Structure formats: C-alpha cells, structure tokens
Amino acid sequence: MPYYAHTADDEHGNRLPESSGKWQPLDVHLRNVASIAAKFAAPFGASEEACLAGLLLPVLPERRTHQ
C-alpha cells in the first residue's frame, strides 16, 4: 500500500484522485526534506545529522505545547 505525504485538490477544492499524479509519495517527500535539511546544516558541519532527522521526520514524536 503506497503512503503519501501530500494529496492535491482541484480549483474547486475537490480532492484529485490518486491517479492524477499530483499526490506526493511519502518516500519522495522524506528524501526532499532530508536533502534540504542537510544543505541548511552544512555550514555548521551537521549535514549527516540533519539528513537523518529529515528521513525520520514521521517517526519523531510530535510535541505541541500550544496551538
């Protein structure tokens, strides 16, 4: 079963079908997040740590102190 990070809606707010090609697969999303995080962390030598954090994003505990 595929997992998705983002779905998509049409101009009227209706959910587009999975077959539209507009949904972002979770693995693609996580690789993108990891890559961007690594680039931001490069100046202070933490690229590898940031990359790992980006890949683990969905399994890290979420803490909300307020909304």
C-alpha atoms as a PDB file:
ATOM      1  CA  MET A   1       0.000   0.000   0.000  1.00  0.00           C
ATOM      2  CA  PRO A   2       1.521   3.359  -1.003  1.00  0.00           C
ATOM      3  CA  TYR A   3       1.790   6.151   1.543  1.00  0.00           C
ATOM      4  CA  TYR A   4       1.509   9.816   0.657  1.00  0.00           C
ATOM      5  CA  ALA A   5       2.832  12.972   2.288  1.00  0.00           C
ATOM      6  CA  HIS A   6       0.502  15.292   0.385  1.00  0.00           C
ATOM      7  CA  THR A   7      -2.670  14.960  -1.629  1.00  0.00           C
ATOM      8  CA  ALA A   8      -3.998  17.565  -4.055  1.00  0.00           C
ATOM      9  CA  ASP A   9      -7.236  19.414  -4.741  1.00  0.00           C
ATOM     10  CA  ASP A  10      -8.610  20.919  -7.925  1.00  0.00           C
ATOM     11  CA  GLU A  11      -9.520  24.593  -8.355  1.00  0.00           C
ATOM     12  CA  HIS A  12     -12.903  23.934  -6.689  1.00  0.00           C
ATOM     13  CA  GLY A  13     -11.433  22.292  -3.613  1.00  0.00           C
ATOM     14  CA  ASN A  14     -12.330  18.757  -4.649  1.00  0.00           C
ATOM     15  CA  ARG A  15      -9.778  16.067  -3.911  1.00  0.00           C
ATOM     16  CA  LEU A  16      -7.999  14.885  -7.035  1.00  0.00           C
ATOM     17  CA  PRO A  17      -7.726  11.119  -7.449  1.00  0.00           C
ATOM     18  CA  GLU A  18      -4.504   9.318  -6.650  1.00  0.00           C
ATOM     19  CA  SER A  19      -4.148   8.563 -10.365  1.00  0.00           C
ATOM     20  CA  SER A  20      -3.864  12.312 -11.128  1.00  0.00           C
ATOM     21  CA  GLY A  21      -0.131  12.197 -10.457  1.00  0.00           C
ATOM     22  CA  LYS A  22      -0.457  15.261  -8.200  1.00  0.00           C
ATOM     23  CA  TRP A  23      -0.103  13.364  -4.909  1.00  0.00           C
ATOM     24  CA  GLN A  24       3.381  13.358  -3.376  1.00  0.00           C
ATOM     25  CA  PRO A  25       4.612   9.922  -2.287  1.00  0.00           C
ATOM     26  CA  LEU A  26       5.955   9.821   1.258  1.00  0.00           C
ATOM     27  CA  ASP A  27       9.378   8.494   0.226  1.00  0.00           C
ATOM     28  CA  VAL A  28       9.865  11.374  -2.236  1.00  0.00           C
ATOM     29  CA  HIS A  29       8.809  13.889   0.412  1.00  0.00           C
ATOM     30  CA  LEU A  30      11.178  12.472   3.022  1.00  0.00           C
ATOM     31  CA  ARG A  31      14.138  12.470   0.626  1.00  0.00           C
ATOM     32  CA  ASN A  32      13.378  16.101  -0.282  1.00  0.00           C
ATOM     33  CA  VAL A  33      13.151  17.118   3.386  1.00  0.00           C
ATOM     34  CA  ALA A  34      16.394  15.289   4.175  1.00  0.00           C
ATOM     35  CA  SER A  35      18.213  16.948   1.285  1.00  0.00           C
ATOM     36  CA  ILE A  36      17.068  20.440   2.217  1.00  0.00           C
ATOM     37  CA  ALA A  37      17.872  19.884   5.900  1.00  0.00           C
ATOM     38  CA  ALA A  38      21.374  18.672   5.005  1.00  0.00           C
ATOM     39  CA  LYS A  39      22.006  21.784   2.898  1.00  0.00           C
ATOM     40  CA  PHE A  40      20.905  24.108   5.708  1.00  0.00           C
ATOM     41  CA  ALA A  41      23.070  22.249   8.239  1.00  0.00           C
ATOM     42  CA  ALA A  42      26.198  22.134   6.051  1.00  0.00           C
ATOM     43  CA  PRO A  43      27.636  25.493   7.206  1.00  0.00           C
ATOM     44  CA  PHE A  44      27.947  24.200  10.779  1.00  0.00           C
ATOM     45  CA  GLY A  45      29.018  20.655   9.910  1.00  0.00           C
ATOM     46  CA  ALA A  46      25.800  18.812  10.728  1.00  0.00           C
ATOM     47  CA  SER A  47      24.668  17.671   7.263  1.00  0.00           C
ATOM     48  CA  GLU A  48      24.545  13.977   8.117  1.00  0.00           C
ATOM     49  CA  GLU A  49      22.587  14.544  11.326  1.00  0.00           C
ATOM     50  CA  ALA A  50      20.117  16.845   9.575  1.00  0.00           C
ATOM     51  CA  CYS A  51      19.686  14.367   6.731  1.00  0.00           C
ATOM     52  CA  LEU A  52      18.865  11.590   9.192  1.00  0.00           C
ATOM     53  CA  ALA A  53      16.427  13.841  11.052  1.00  0.00           C
ATOM     54  CA  GLY A  54      14.688  14.627   7.768  1.00  0.00           C
ATOM     55  CA  LEU A  55      14.327  10.947   6.935  1.00  0.00           C
ATOM     56  CA  LEU A  56      12.976  10.172  10.408  1.00  0.00           C
ATOM     57  CA  LEU A  57      10.522  13.058  10.413  1.00  0.00           C
ATOM     58  CA  PRO A  58       7.339  10.947  10.517  1.00  0.00           C
ATOM     59  CA  VAL A  59       8.543   8.743  13.385  1.00  0.00           C
ATOM     60  CA  LEU A  60       9.826  11.513  15.641  1.00  0.00           C
ATOM     61  CA  PRO A  61       7.398  12.281  18.470  1.00  0.00           C
ATOM     62  CA  GLU A  62       5.357  15.400  17.920  1.00  0.00           C
ATOM     63  CA  ARG A  63       5.075  17.777  20.836  1.00  0.00           C
ATOM     64  CA  ARG A  64       2.616  20.619  20.754  1.00  0.00           C
ATOM     65  CA  THR A  65       2.657  22.885  23.730  1.00  0.00           C
ATOM     66  CA  HIS A  66       0.043  25.190  22.226  1.00  0.00           C
ATOM     67  CA  GLN A  67      -1.840  25.648  19.006  1.00  0.00           C
END
